[in-house]
């Protein structure tokens, strides 16, 4: 999960958050950052996030993102 935190901090170094912070509600991830985040996650974790998995609940928290990555790693 630390890698996910690093990627998010690169996109938004100004906001403080932890693995349970709602990243969308707190404005840490907006629509533009989400697109960049998806690309970065795919590169860092060597996976592909299916379009069907790109929904807010999968990106609300670091924990939710980690679960998404685990699912996509099993697919690919």
C-alpha atoms as a PDB file:
ATOM      1  CA  UNK A   1       0.000   0.000   0.000  1.00  0.00           C
ATOM      2  CA  UNK A   2       2.964   2.293   0.529  1.00  0.00           C
ATOM      3  CA  UNK A   3       3.534   2.490  -3.236  1.00  0.00           C
ATOM      4  CA  UNK A   4      -0.033   3.693  -3.718  1.00  0.00           C
ATOM      5  CA  UNK A   5       0.504   6.392  -1.086  1.00  0.00           C
ATOM      6  CA  UNK A   6       3.704   7.470  -2.878  1.00  0.00           C
ATOM      7  CA  UNK A   7       1.927   7.750  -6.220  1.00  0.00           C
ATOM      8  CA  UNK A   8      -0.917   9.807  -4.708  1.00  0.00           C
ATOM      9  CA  UNK A   9       1.547  12.080  -2.887  1.00  0.00           C
ATOM     10  CA  UNK A  10       3.327  12.745  -6.191  1.00  0.00           C
ATOM     11  CA  UNK A  11      -0.003  13.840  -7.689  1.00  0.00           C
ATOM     12  CA  UNK A  12      -1.039  15.909  -4.687  1.00  0.00           C
ATOM     13  CA  UNK A  13       1.770  16.655  -2.234  1.00  0.00           C
ATOM     14  CA  UNK A  14      -0.232  19.335  -0.428  1.00  0.00           C
ATOM     15  CA  UNK A  15      -2.937  17.295   1.269  1.00  0.00           C
ATOM     16  CA  UNK A  16      -2.395  14.968   4.210  1.00  0.00           C
ATOM     17  CA  UNK A  17      -4.197  11.642   4.180  1.00  0.00           C
ATOM     18  CA  UNK A  18      -4.000   8.076   5.456  1.00  0.00           C
ATOM     19  CA  UNK A  19      -5.176   4.779   4.041  1.00  0.00           C
ATOM     20  CA  UNK A  20      -8.757   5.338   5.218  1.00  0.00           C
ATOM     21  CA  UNK A  21      -9.188   8.967   4.122  1.00  0.00           C
ATOM     22  CA  UNK A  22     -11.882   9.410   1.497  1.00  0.00           C
ATOM     23  CA  UNK A  23      -9.663  10.734  -1.273  1.00  0.00           C
ATOM     24  CA  UNK A  24     -12.532  11.831  -3.495  1.00  0.00           C
ATOM     25  CA  UNK A  25     -14.618  13.605  -0.844  1.00  0.00           C
ATOM     26  CA  UNK A  26     -11.533  15.375   0.513  1.00  0.00           C
ATOM     27  CA  UNK A  27     -10.607  16.585  -2.978  1.00  0.00           C
ATOM     28  CA  UNK A  28      -7.256  14.818  -2.934  1.00  0.00           C
ATOM     29  CA  UNK A  29      -8.187  13.023  -6.153  1.00  0.00           C
ATOM     30  CA  UNK A  30     -10.247  14.867  -8.748  1.00  0.00           C
ATOM     31  CA  UNK A  31     -11.166  13.736 -12.259  1.00  0.00           C
ATOM     32  CA  UNK A  32      -7.878  14.816 -13.848  1.00  0.00           C
ATOM     33  CA  UNK A  33      -5.773  13.290 -11.071  1.00  0.00           C
ATOM     34  CA  UNK A  34      -7.807  10.095 -11.342  1.00  0.00           C
ATOM     35  CA  UNK A  35      -6.821   9.643 -14.984  1.00  0.00           C
ATOM     36  CA  UNK A  36      -3.162  10.229 -14.118  1.00  0.00           C
ATOM     37  CA  UNK A  37      -3.425   7.977 -11.063  1.00  0.00           C
ATOM     38  CA  UNK A  38      -4.809   5.103 -13.133  1.00  0.00           C
ATOM     39  CA  UNK A  39      -1.938   5.385 -15.612  1.00  0.00           C
ATOM     40  CA  UNK A  40       0.641   5.528 -12.822  1.00  0.00           C
ATOM     41  CA  UNK A  41      -0.868   2.557 -10.987  1.00  0.00           C
ATOM     42  CA  UNK A  42      -0.875   0.492 -14.165  1.00  0.00           C
ATOM     43  CA  UNK A  43       2.816   1.309 -14.697  1.00  0.00           C
ATOM     44  CA  UNK A  44       3.931   0.807 -11.100  1.00  0.00           C
ATOM     45  CA  UNK A  45       2.031  -2.448 -10.578  1.00  0.00           C
ATOM     46  CA  UNK A  46       2.401  -3.740 -14.149  1.00  0.00           C
ATOM     47  CA  UNK A  47      -1.302  -4.313 -14.586  1.00  0.00           C
ATOM     48  CA  UNK A  48      -4.269  -3.032 -16.543  1.00  0.00           C
ATOM     49  CA  UNK A  49      -7.288  -1.603 -14.759  1.00  0.00           C
ATOM     50  CA  UNK A  50     -10.381  -2.624 -16.736  1.00  0.00           C
ATOM     51  CA  UNK A  51     -12.743   0.175 -17.710  1.00  0.00           C
ATOM     52  CA  UNK A  52     -15.554  -1.539 -15.776  1.00  0.00           C
ATOM     53  CA  UNK A  53     -13.482  -1.139 -12.574  1.00  0.00           C
ATOM     54  CA  UNK A  54     -13.101   2.624 -12.982  1.00  0.00           C
ATOM     55  CA  UNK A  55     -15.786   3.733 -10.581  1.00  0.00           C
ATOM     56  CA  UNK A  56     -15.580   6.035  -7.558  1.00  0.00           C
ATOM     57  CA  UNK A  57     -15.838   3.346  -4.890  1.00  0.00           C
ATOM     58  CA  UNK A  58     -12.633   1.722  -6.178  1.00  0.00           C
ATOM     59  CA  UNK A  59     -10.683   4.955  -5.652  1.00  0.00           C
ATOM     60  CA  UNK A  60     -12.215   6.346  -2.460  1.00  0.00           C
ATOM     61  CA  UNK A  61      -9.414   5.201  -0.149  1.00  0.00           C
ATOM     62  CA  UNK A  62      -5.907   3.802  -0.385  1.00  0.00           C
ATOM     63  CA  UNK A  63      -7.326   0.530   0.929  1.00  0.00           C
ATOM     64  CA  UNK A  64      -9.948   0.426  -1.854  1.00  0.00           C
ATOM     65  CA  UNK A  65      -7.264   1.115  -4.455  1.00  0.00           C
ATOM     66  CA  UNK A  66      -5.100  -1.668  -3.021  1.00  0.00           C
ATOM     67  CA  UNK A  67      -8.002  -4.137  -3.271  1.00  0.00           C
ATOM     68  CA  UNK A  68      -8.561  -3.034  -6.871  1.00  0.00           C
ATOM     69  CA  UNK A  69      -4.888  -3.614  -7.700  1.00  0.00           C
ATOM     70  CA  UNK A  70      -5.001  -7.065  -6.087  1.00  0.00           C
ATOM     71  CA  UNK A  71      -8.039  -7.972  -8.210  1.00  0.00           C
ATOM     72  CA  UNK A  72      -6.496  -6.722 -11.441  1.00  0.00           C
ATOM     73  CA  UNK A  73      -3.215  -8.532 -10.763  1.00  0.00           C
ATOM     74  CA  UNK A  74      -5.149 -11.805 -10.537  1.00  0.00           C
ATOM     75  CA  UNK A  75      -6.873 -11.112 -13.855  1.00  0.00           C
ATOM     76  CA  UNK A  76      -3.698 -10.275 -15.747  1.00  0.00           C
END
